[in-house]
Amino acid sequence: MAKPVVDGLERALAPQGVEVIRLSVASRVGATLAGRYGVRGIPTLILFDGAGDPVLIQVGRLKKDSVLQMVTRLLKVS
Protein backbone atom coordinates (compact mmCIF):
# COMPACT_ATOMS: atom_id res chain seq x y z
CA MET A 1 0.00 0.00 0.00
CA ALA A 2 2.83 2.40 -0.72
CA LYS A 3 1.04 4.00 -3.67
CA PRO A 4 -1.11 6.42 -1.61
CA VAL A 5 1.96 7.56 0.35
CA VAL A 6 4.04 8.04 -2.79
CA ASP A 7 1.13 9.84 -4.49
CA GLY A 8 0.99 12.20 -1.49
CA LEU A 9 4.74 12.78 -1.60
CA GLU A 10 4.54 13.52 -5.31
CA ARG A 11 1.79 16.12 -4.77
CA ALA A 12 3.59 17.71 -1.81
CA LEU A 13 7.00 17.89 -3.49
CA ALA A 14 6.06 18.90 -7.04
CA PRO A 15 5.73 22.63 -6.19
CA GLN A 16 9.29 22.53 -4.81
CA GLY A 17 10.64 21.09 -8.06
CA VAL A 18 11.33 17.67 -6.54
CA GLU A 19 10.79 14.80 -8.95
CA VAL A 20 9.37 11.47 -7.82
CA ILE A 21 10.38 8.54 -10.02
CA ARG A 22 8.74 5.15 -9.63
CA LEU A 23 10.43 2.01 -10.84
CA SER A 24 9.36 -1.60 -10.82
CA VAL A 25 11.94 -4.24 -9.97
CA ALA A 26 10.26 -6.29 -12.71
CA SER A 27 11.61 -3.87 -15.35
CA ARG A 28 15.17 -4.08 -16.64
CA VAL A 29 16.06 -0.60 -15.36
CA GLY A 30 14.36 -1.24 -12.01
CA ALA A 31 16.14 -4.56 -11.54
CA THR A 32 19.50 -3.00 -12.38
CA LEU A 33 19.04 -0.16 -9.92
CA ALA A 34 17.67 -2.49 -7.24
CA GLY A 35 20.89 -4.48 -7.51
CA ARG A 36 23.04 -1.35 -7.46
CA TYR A 37 21.41 -0.01 -4.29
CA GLY A 38 20.94 -3.35 -2.53
CA VAL A 39 17.15 -3.36 -2.53
CA ARG A 40 16.00 -6.41 -0.57
CA GLY A 41 12.35 -5.60 0.11
CA ILE A 42 9.36 -4.04 -1.59
CA PRO A 43 8.42 -1.27 -1.32
CA THR A 44 11.72 0.55 -1.03
CA LEU A 45 11.99 4.32 -1.23
CA ILE A 46 15.39 5.87 -1.91
CA LEU A 47 15.87 9.63 -1.63
CA PHE A 48 18.85 11.05 -3.49
CA ASP A 49 20.61 14.36 -2.94
CA GLY A 50 21.53 16.74 -5.76
CA ALA A 51 24.78 14.85 -6.41
CA GLY A 52 22.90 11.57 -6.93
CA ASP A 53 23.93 10.02 -3.62
CA PRO A 54 21.30 8.17 -1.57
CA VAL A 55 20.58 10.03 1.68
CA LEU A 56 17.52 8.17 2.94
CA ILE A 57 16.36 4.60 2.35
CA GLN A 58 13.05 3.28 3.66
CA VAL A 59 12.01 -0.34 3.28
CA GLY A 60 8.52 -1.56 3.99
CA ARG A 61 6.00 0.90 5.34
CA LEU A 62 6.92 4.33 4.01
CA LYS A 63 7.09 7.28 6.39
CA LYS A 64 5.97 10.40 4.55
CA ASP A 65 6.98 12.82 7.32
CA SER A 66 10.61 11.69 7.47
CA VAL A 67 10.89 11.97 3.68
CA LEU A 68 9.47 15.50 3.72
CA GLN A 69 11.83 16.50 6.55
CA MET A 70 14.87 15.22 4.66
CA VAL A 71 13.81 16.96 1.45
CA THR A 72 13.39 20.22 3.38
CA ARG A 73 16.91 19.87 4.78
CA LEU A 74 18.35 19.10 1.35
CA LEU A 75 16.63 22.08 -0.22
CA LYS A 76 18.03 24.39 2.47
CA VAL A 77 21.58 23.16 1.79
CA SER A 78 21.43 23.62 -1.97
PDB file of N, CA and C in Angstrom:
ATOM      1  N   MET A   1       0.806  -1.192   0.000  1.00  0.00           N
ATOM      2  CA  MET A   1       0.000   0.000   0.000  1.00  0.00           C
ATOM      3  C   MET A   1       0.853   1.262   0.000  1.00  0.00           C
ATOM      4  N   ALA A   2       1.953   1.231  -0.670  1.00  0.00           N
ATOM      5  CA  ALA A   2       2.826   2.397  -0.725  1.00  0.00           C
ATOM      6  C   ALA A   2       2.308   3.455  -1.687  1.00  0.00           C
ATOM      7  N   LYS A   3       1.481   3.068  -2.648  1.00  0.00           N
ATOM      8  CA  LYS A   3       1.037   4.004  -3.671  1.00  0.00           C
ATOM      9  C   LYS A   3       0.399   5.264  -3.101  1.00  0.00           C
ATOM     10  N   PRO A   4      -0.526   5.179  -2.137  1.00  0.00           N
ATOM     11  CA  PRO A   4      -1.106   6.420  -1.607  1.00  0.00           C
ATOM     12  C   PRO A   4      -0.062   7.339  -0.952  1.00  0.00           C
ATOM     13  N   VAL A   5       0.919   6.754  -0.286  1.00  0.00           N
ATOM     14  CA  VAL A   5       1.962   7.557   0.349  1.00  0.00           C
ATOM     15  C   VAL A   5       2.818   8.230  -0.719  1.00  0.00           C
ATOM     16  N   VAL A   6       3.212   7.485  -1.729  1.00  0.00           N
ATOM     17  CA  VAL A   6       4.044   8.043  -2.794  1.00  0.00           C
ATOM     18  C   VAL A   6       3.254   9.087  -3.585  1.00  0.00           C
ATOM     19  N   ASP A   7       1.973   8.831  -3.823  1.00  0.00           N
ATOM     20  CA  ASP A   7       1.133   9.839  -4.489  1.00  0.00           C
ATOM     21  C   ASP A   7       1.128  11.137  -3.681  1.00  0.00           C
ATOM     22  N   GLY A   8       0.986  11.021  -2.362  1.00  0.00           N
ATOM     23  CA  GLY A   8       0.987  12.199  -1.492  1.00  0.00           C
ATOM     24  C   GLY A   8       2.320  12.925  -1.510  1.00  0.00           C
ATOM     25  N   LEU A   9       3.413  12.169  -1.508  1.00  0.00           N
ATOM     26  CA  LEU A   9       4.743  12.781  -1.604  1.00  0.00           C
ATOM     27  C   LEU A   9       4.897  13.519  -2.922  1.00  0.00           C
ATOM     28  N   GLU A  10       4.438  12.895  -3.982  1.00  0.00           N
ATOM     29  CA  GLU A  10       4.542  13.517  -5.306  1.00  0.00           C
ATOM     30  C   GLU A  10       3.801  14.853  -5.333  1.00  0.00           C
ATOM     31  N   ARG A  11       2.581  14.870  -4.802  1.00  0.00           N
ATOM     32  CA  ARG A  11       1.794  16.117  -4.775  1.00  0.00           C
ATOM     33  C   ARG A  11       2.459  17.170  -3.889  1.00  0.00           C
ATOM     34  N   ALA A  12       2.981  16.762  -2.745  1.00  0.00           N
ATOM     35  CA  ALA A  12       3.586  17.707  -1.809  1.00  0.00           C
ATOM     36  C   ALA A  12       4.909  18.274  -2.322  1.00  0.00           C
ATOM     37  N   LEU A  13       5.651  17.478  -3.071  1.00  0.00           N
ATOM     38  CA  LEU A  13       6.995  17.890  -3.488  1.00  0.00           C
ATOM     39  C   LEU A  13       7.050  18.555  -4.861  1.00  0.00           C
ATOM     40  N   ALA A  14       6.064  18.341  -5.686  1.00  0.00           N
ATOM     41  CA  ALA A  14       6.063  18.903  -7.044  1.00  0.00           C
ATOM     42  C   ALA A  14       6.242  20.426  -7.041  1.00  0.00           C
ATOM     43  N   PRO A  15       5.549  21.183  -6.170  1.00  0.00           N
ATOM     44  CA  PRO A  15       5.734  22.635  -6.187  1.00  0.00           C
ATOM     45  C   PRO A  15       7.152  23.077  -5.828  1.00  0.00           C
ATOM     46  N   GLN A  16       7.910  22.209  -5.180  1.00  0.00           N
ATOM     47  CA  GLN A  16       9.289  22.531  -4.809  1.00  0.00           C
ATOM     48  C   GLN A  16      10.284  22.095  -5.883  1.00  0.00           C
ATOM     49  N   GLY A  17       9.774  21.541  -6.975  1.00  0.00           N
ATOM     50  CA  GLY A  17      10.644  21.095  -8.062  1.00  0.00           C
ATOM     51  C   GLY A  17      11.307  19.754  -7.808  1.00  0.00           C
ATOM     52  N   VAL A  18      10.780  18.979  -6.862  1.00  0.00           N
ATOM     53  CA  VAL A  18      11.331  17.668  -6.545  1.00  0.00           C
ATOM     54  C   VAL A  18      10.601  16.622  -7.382  1.00  0.00           C
ATOM     55  N   GLU A  19      11.367  15.812  -8.074  1.00  0.00           N
ATOM     56  CA  GLU A  19      10.793  14.797  -8.955  1.00  0.00           C
ATOM     57  C   GLU A  19      10.721  13.445  -8.259  1.00  0.00           C
ATOM     58  N   VAL A  20       9.573  12.809  -8.358  1.00  0.00           N
ATOM     59  CA  VAL A  20       9.373  11.467  -7.823  1.00  0.00           C
ATOM     60  C   VAL A  20       9.390  10.505  -9.003  1.00  0.00           C
ATOM     61  N   ILE A  21      10.268   9.527  -8.953  1.00  0.00           N
ATOM     62  CA  ILE A  21      10.384   8.539 -10.024  1.00  0.00           C
ATOM     63  C   ILE A  21      10.047   7.180  -9.436  1.00  0.00           C
ATOM     64  N   ARG A  22       9.144   6.489 -10.091  1.00  0.00           N
ATOM     65  CA  ARG A  22       8.739   5.148  -9.632  1.00  0.00           C
ATOM     66  C   ARG A  22       9.302   4.117 -10.597  1.00  0.00           C
ATOM     67  N   LEU A  23       9.892   3.094 -10.026  1.00  0.00           N
ATOM     68  CA  LEU A  23      10.432   2.006 -10.837  1.00  0.00           C
ATOM     69  C   LEU A  23       9.929   0.675 -10.299  1.00  0.00           C
ATOM     70  N   SER A  24       9.734  -0.249 -11.194  1.00  0.00           N
ATOM     71  CA  SER A  24       9.358  -1.605 -10.822  1.00  0.00           C
ATOM     72  C   SER A  24      10.595  -2.487 -10.918  1.00  0.00           C
ATOM     73  N   VAL A  25      10.809  -3.316  -9.908  1.00  0.00           N
ATOM     74  CA  VAL A  25      11.942  -4.236  -9.966  1.00  0.00           C
ATOM     75  C   VAL A  25      11.734  -5.285 -11.053  1.00  0.00           C
ATOM     76  N   ALA A  26      10.527  -5.357 -11.614  1.00  0.00           N
ATOM     77  CA  ALA A  26      10.263  -6.290 -12.711  1.00  0.00           C
ATOM     78  C   ALA A  26      10.775  -5.747 -14.047  1.00  0.00           C
ATOM     79  N   SER A  27      11.068  -4.437 -14.115  1.00  0.00           N
ATOM     80  CA  SER A  27      11.607  -3.872 -15.351  1.00  0.00           C
ATOM     81  C   SER A  27      13.127  -4.029 -15.363  1.00  0.00           C
ATOM     82  N   ARG A  28      13.713  -3.941 -16.525  1.00  0.00           N
ATOM     83  CA  ARG A  28      15.167  -4.079 -16.637  1.00  0.00           C
ATOM     84  C   ARG A  28      15.887  -2.964 -15.878  1.00  0.00           C
ATOM     85  N   VAL A  29      15.428  -1.727 -16.056  1.00  0.00           N
ATOM     86  CA  VAL A  29      16.060  -0.604 -15.358  1.00  0.00           C
ATOM     87  C   VAL A  29      15.863  -0.739 -13.847  1.00  0.00           C
ATOM     88  N   GLY A  30      14.641  -1.077 -13.433  1.00  0.00           N
ATOM     89  CA  GLY A  30      14.363  -1.235 -12.009  1.00  0.00           C
ATOM     90  C   GLY A  30      15.198  -2.329 -11.375  1.00  0.00           C
ATOM     91  N   ALA A  31      15.337  -3.447 -12.064  1.00  0.00           N
ATOM     92  CA  ALA A  31      16.137  -4.558 -11.539  1.00  0.00           C
ATOM     93  C   ALA A  31      17.613  -4.170 -11.432  1.00  0.00           C
ATOM     94  N   THR A  32      18.105  -3.450 -12.406  1.00  0.00           N
ATOM     95  CA  THR A  32      19.501  -3.002 -12.382  1.00  0.00           C
ATOM     96  C   THR A  32      19.749  -2.075 -11.201  1.00  0.00           C
ATOM     97  N   LEU A  33      18.863  -1.106 -11.021  1.00  0.00           N
ATOM     98  CA  LEU A  33      19.037  -0.158  -9.918  1.00  0.00           C
ATOM     99  C   LEU A  33      18.807  -0.821  -8.560  1.00  0.00           C
ATOM    100  N   ALA A  34      17.883  -1.761  -8.485  1.00  0.00           N
ATOM    101  CA  ALA A  34      17.667  -2.493  -7.237  1.00  0.00           C
ATOM    102  C   ALA A  34      18.942  -3.225  -6.834  1.00  0.00           C
ATOM    103  N   GLY A  35      19.625  -3.820  -7.797  1.00  0.00           N
ATOM    104  CA  GLY A  35      20.894  -4.479  -7.514  1.00  0.00           C
ATOM    105  C   GLY A  35      21.963  -3.496  -7.092  1.00  0.00           C
ATOM    106  N   ARG A  36      22.013  -2.363  -7.762  1.00  0.00           N
ATOM    107  CA  ARG A  36      23.037  -1.354  -7.456  1.00  0.00           C
ATOM    108  C   ARG A  36      22.887  -0.809  -6.036  1.00  0.00           C
ATOM    109  N   TYR A  37      21.644  -0.619  -5.595  1.00  0.00           N
ATOM    110  CA  TYR A  37      21.408  -0.014  -4.290  1.00  0.00           C
ATOM    111  C   TYR A  37      21.030  -1.026  -3.216  1.00  0.00           C
ATOM    112  N   GLY A  38      21.144  -2.309  -3.525  1.00  0.00           N
ATOM    113  CA  GLY A  38      20.942  -3.349  -2.529  1.00  0.00           C
ATOM    114  C   GLY A  38      19.505  -3.483  -2.039  1.00  0.00           C
ATOM    115  N   VAL A  39      18.554  -3.239  -2.918  1.00  0.00           N
ATOM    116  CA  VAL A  39      17.147  -3.358  -2.534  1.00  0.00           C
ATOM    117  C   VAL A  39      16.843  -4.814  -2.209  1.00  0.00           C
ATOM    118  N   ARG A  40      16.303  -5.052  -1.021  1.00  0.00           N
ATOM    119  CA  ARG A  40      16.000  -6.406  -0.566  1.00  0.00           C
ATOM    120  C   ARG A  40      14.525  -6.595  -0.242  1.00  0.00           C
ATOM    121  N   GLY A  41      13.762  -5.511  -0.222  1.00  0.00           N
ATOM    122  CA  GLY A  41      12.346  -5.597   0.108  1.00  0.00           C
ATOM    123  C   GLY A  41      11.537  -4.615  -0.719  1.00  0.00           C
ATOM    124  N   ILE A  42      10.259  -4.902  -0.824  1.00  0.00           N
ATOM    125  CA  ILE A  42       9.365  -4.044  -1.592  1.00  0.00           C
ATOM    126  C   ILE A  42       8.208  -3.668  -0.671  1.00  0.00           C
ATOM    127  N   PRO A  43       7.861  -2.410  -0.591  1.00  0.00           N
ATOM    128  CA  PRO A  43       8.423  -1.274  -1.322  1.00  0.00           C
ATOM    129  C   PRO A  43       9.717  -0.774  -0.681  1.00  0.00           C
ATOM    130  N   THR A  44      10.527  -0.150  -1.494  1.00  0.00           N
ATOM    131  CA  THR A  44      11.724   0.546  -1.026  1.00  0.00           C
ATOM    132  C   THR A  44      11.698   1.944  -1.624  1.00  0.00           C
ATOM    133  N   LEU A  45      11.900   2.932  -0.785  1.00  0.00           N
ATOM    134  CA  LEU A  45      11.992   4.317  -1.230  1.00  0.00           C
ATOM    135  C   LEU A  45      13.420   4.775  -1.001  1.00  0.00           C
ATOM    136  N   ILE A  46      14.026   5.342  -2.033  1.00  0.00           N
ATOM    137  CA  ILE A  46      15.385   5.875  -1.912  1.00  0.00           C
ATOM    138  C   ILE A  46      15.332   7.351  -2.281  1.00  0.00           C
ATOM    139  N   LEU A  47      15.813   8.198  -1.388  1.00  0.00           N
ATOM    140  CA  LEU A  47      15.874   9.631  -1.626  1.00  0.00           C
ATOM    141  C   LEU A  47      17.320   9.990  -1.930  1.00  0.00           C
ATOM    142  N   PHE A  48      17.516  10.670  -3.048  1.00  0.00           N
ATOM    143  CA  PHE A  48      18.853  11.053  -3.488  1.00  0.00           C
ATOM    144  C   PHE A  48      19.062  12.550  -3.311  1.00  0.00           C
ATOM    145  N   ASP A  49      20.292  12.936  -3.007  1.00  0.00           N
ATOM    146  CA  ASP A  49      20.607  14.363  -2.943  1.00  0.00           C
ATOM    147  C   ASP A  49      20.917  14.873  -4.348  1.00  0.00           C
ATOM    148  N   GLY A  50      21.269  16.123  -4.456  1.00  0.00           N
ATOM    149  CA  GLY A  50      21.534  16.739  -5.757  1.00  0.00           C
ATOM    150  C   GLY A  50      22.716  16.145  -6.494  1.00  0.00           C
ATOM    151  N   ALA A  51      23.613  15.481  -5.789  1.00  0.00           N
ATOM    152  CA  ALA A  51      24.775  14.848  -6.408  1.00  0.00           C
ATOM    153  C   ALA A  51      24.481  13.417  -6.839  1.00  0.00           C
ATOM    154  N   GLY A  52      23.255  12.935  -6.545  1.00  0.00           N
ATOM    155  CA  GLY A  52      22.898  11.575  -6.929  1.00  0.00           C
ATOM    156  C   GLY A  52      23.249  10.527  -5.896  1.00  0.00           C
ATOM    157  N   ASP A  53      23.590  10.963  -4.694  1.00  0.00           N
ATOM    158  CA  ASP A  53      23.926  10.023  -3.624  1.00  0.00           C
ATOM    159  C   ASP A  53      22.684   9.739  -2.775  1.00  0.00           C
ATOM    160  N   PRO A  54      22.447   8.473  -2.421  1.00  0.00           N
ATOM    161  CA  PRO A  54      21.297   8.165  -1.565  1.00  0.00           C
ATOM    162  C   PRO A  54      21.505   8.735  -0.165  1.00  0.00           C
ATOM    163  N   VAL A  55      20.486   9.437   0.350  1.00  0.00           N
ATOM    164  CA  VAL A  55      20.585  10.034   1.684  1.00  0.00           C
ATOM    165  C   VAL A  55      19.535   9.477   2.640  1.00  0.00           C
ATOM    166  N   LEU A  56      18.556   8.769   2.109  1.00  0.00           N
ATOM    167  CA  LEU A  56      17.522   8.165   2.942  1.00  0.00           C
ATOM    168  C   LEU A  56      16.986   6.943   2.214  1.00  0.00           C
ATOM    169  N   ILE A  57      16.932   5.827   2.917  1.00  0.00           N
ATOM    170  CA  ILE A  57      16.362   4.605   2.347  1.00  0.00           C
ATOM    171  C   ILE A  57      15.328   4.083   3.335  1.00  0.00           C
ATOM    172  N   GLN A  58      14.122   3.854   2.844  1.00  0.00           N
ATOM    173  CA  GLN A  58      13.055   3.280   3.660  1.00  0.00           C
ATOM    174  C   GLN A  58      12.586   1.995   2.999  1.00  0.00           C
ATOM    175  N   VAL A  59      12.482   0.948   3.772  1.00  0.00           N
ATOM    176  CA  VAL A  59      12.009  -0.342   3.278  1.00  0.00           C
ATOM    177  C   VAL A  59      10.748  -0.707   4.053  1.00  0.00           C
ATOM    178  N   GLY A  60       9.767  -1.199   3.333  1.00  0.00           N
ATOM    179  CA  GLY A  60       8.517  -1.562   3.986  1.00  0.00           C
ATOM    180  C   GLY A  60       7.586  -0.373   4.052  1.00  0.00           C
ATOM    181  N   ARG A  61       6.947  -0.207   5.190  1.00  0.00           N
ATOM    182  CA  ARG A  61       5.999   0.902   5.340  1.00  0.00           C
ATOM    183  C   ARG A  61       6.733   2.232   5.206  1.00  0.00           C
ATOM    184  N   LEU A  62       6.265   3.058   4.278  1.00  0.00           N
ATOM    185  CA  LEU A  62       6.919   4.330   4.012  1.00  0.00           C
ATOM    186  C   LEU A  62       6.438   5.388   4.993  1.00  0.00           C
ATOM    187  N   LYS A  63       7.383   6.222   5.425  1.00  0.00           N
ATOM    188  CA  LYS A  63       7.095   7.281   6.394  1.00  0.00           C
ATOM    189  C   LYS A  63       7.198   8.636   5.701  1.00  0.00           C
ATOM    190  N   LYS A  64       6.040   9.153   5.321  1.00  0.00           N
ATOM    191  CA  LYS A  64       5.972  10.400   4.552  1.00  0.00           C
ATOM    192  C   LYS A  64       6.657  11.558   5.279  1.00  0.00           C
ATOM    193  N   ASP A  65       6.426  11.684   6.582  1.00  0.00           N
ATOM    194  CA  ASP A  65       6.978  12.821   7.323  1.00  0.00           C
ATOM    195  C   ASP A  65       8.497  12.849   7.303  1.00  0.00           C
ATOM    196  N   SER A  66       9.142  11.701   7.461  1.00  0.00           N
ATOM    197  CA  SER A  66      10.610  11.688   7.466  1.00  0.00           C
ATOM    198  C   SER A  66      11.163  12.014   6.084  1.00  0.00           C
ATOM    199  N   VAL A  67      10.461  11.619   5.037  1.00  0.00           N
ATOM    200  CA  VAL A  67      10.894  11.967   3.679  1.00  0.00           C
ATOM    201  C   VAL A  67      10.778  13.479   3.481  1.00  0.00           C
ATOM    202  N   LEU A  68       9.663  14.054   3.872  1.00  0.00           N
ATOM    203  CA  LEU A  68       9.466  15.496   3.717  1.00  0.00           C
ATOM    204  C   LEU A  68      10.491  16.291   4.529  1.00  0.00           C
ATOM    205  N   GLN A  69      10.816  15.823   5.739  1.00  0.00           N
ATOM    206  CA  GLN A  69      11.828  16.502   6.552  1.00  0.00           C
ATOM    207  C   GLN A  69      13.195  16.474   5.872  1.00  0.00           C
ATOM    208  N   MET A  70      13.573  15.321   5.320  1.00  0.00           N
ATOM    209  CA  MET A  70      14.873  15.215   4.657  1.00  0.00           C
ATOM    210  C   MET A  70      14.916  16.091   3.415  1.00  0.00           C
ATOM    211  N   VAL A  71      13.850  16.118   2.643  1.00  0.00           N
ATOM    212  CA  VAL A  71      13.813  16.963   1.447  1.00  0.00           C
ATOM    213  C   VAL A  71      13.951  18.428   1.843  1.00  0.00           C
ATOM    214  N   THR A  72      13.279  18.833   2.905  1.00  0.00           N
ATOM    215  CA  THR A  72      13.387  20.222   3.379  1.00  0.00           C
ATOM    216  C   THR A  72      14.829  20.550   3.744  1.00  0.00           C
ATOM    217  N   ARG A  73      15.501  19.640   4.433  1.00  0.00           N
ATOM    218  CA  ARG A  73      16.913  19.869   4.784  1.00  0.00           C
ATOM    219  C   ARG A  73      17.788  19.964   3.538  1.00  0.00           C
ATOM    220  N   LEU A  74      17.545  19.078   2.578  1.00  0.00           N
ATOM    221  CA  LEU A  74      18.351  19.099   1.352  1.00  0.00           C
ATOM    222  C   LEU A  74      18.132  20.372   0.561  1.00  0.00           C
ATOM    223  N   LEU A  75      16.910  20.855   0.513  1.00  0.00           N
ATOM    224  CA  LEU A  75      16.627  22.081  -0.225  1.00  0.00           C
ATOM    225  C   LEU A  75      17.263  23.303   0.440  1.00  0.00           C
ATOM    226  N   LYS A  76      17.393  23.277   1.757  1.00  0.00           N
ATOM    227  CA  LYS A  76      18.030  24.392   2.471  1.00  0.00           C
ATOM    228  C   LYS A  76      19.530  24.431   2.200  1.00  0.00           C
ATOM    229  N   VAL A  77      20.126  23.260   2.016  1.00  0.00           N
ATOM    230  CA  VAL A  77      21.576  23.160   1.790  1.00  0.00           C
ATOM    231  C   VAL A  77      21.940  23.616   0.382  1.00  0.00           C
ATOM    232  N   SER A  78      21.066  23.319  -0.577  1.00  0.00           N
ATOM    233  CA  SER A  78      21.430  23.624  -1.971  1.00  0.00           C
ATOM    234  C   SER A  78      21.148  25.042  -2.359  1.00  0.00           C
TER     235      SER A  78
END
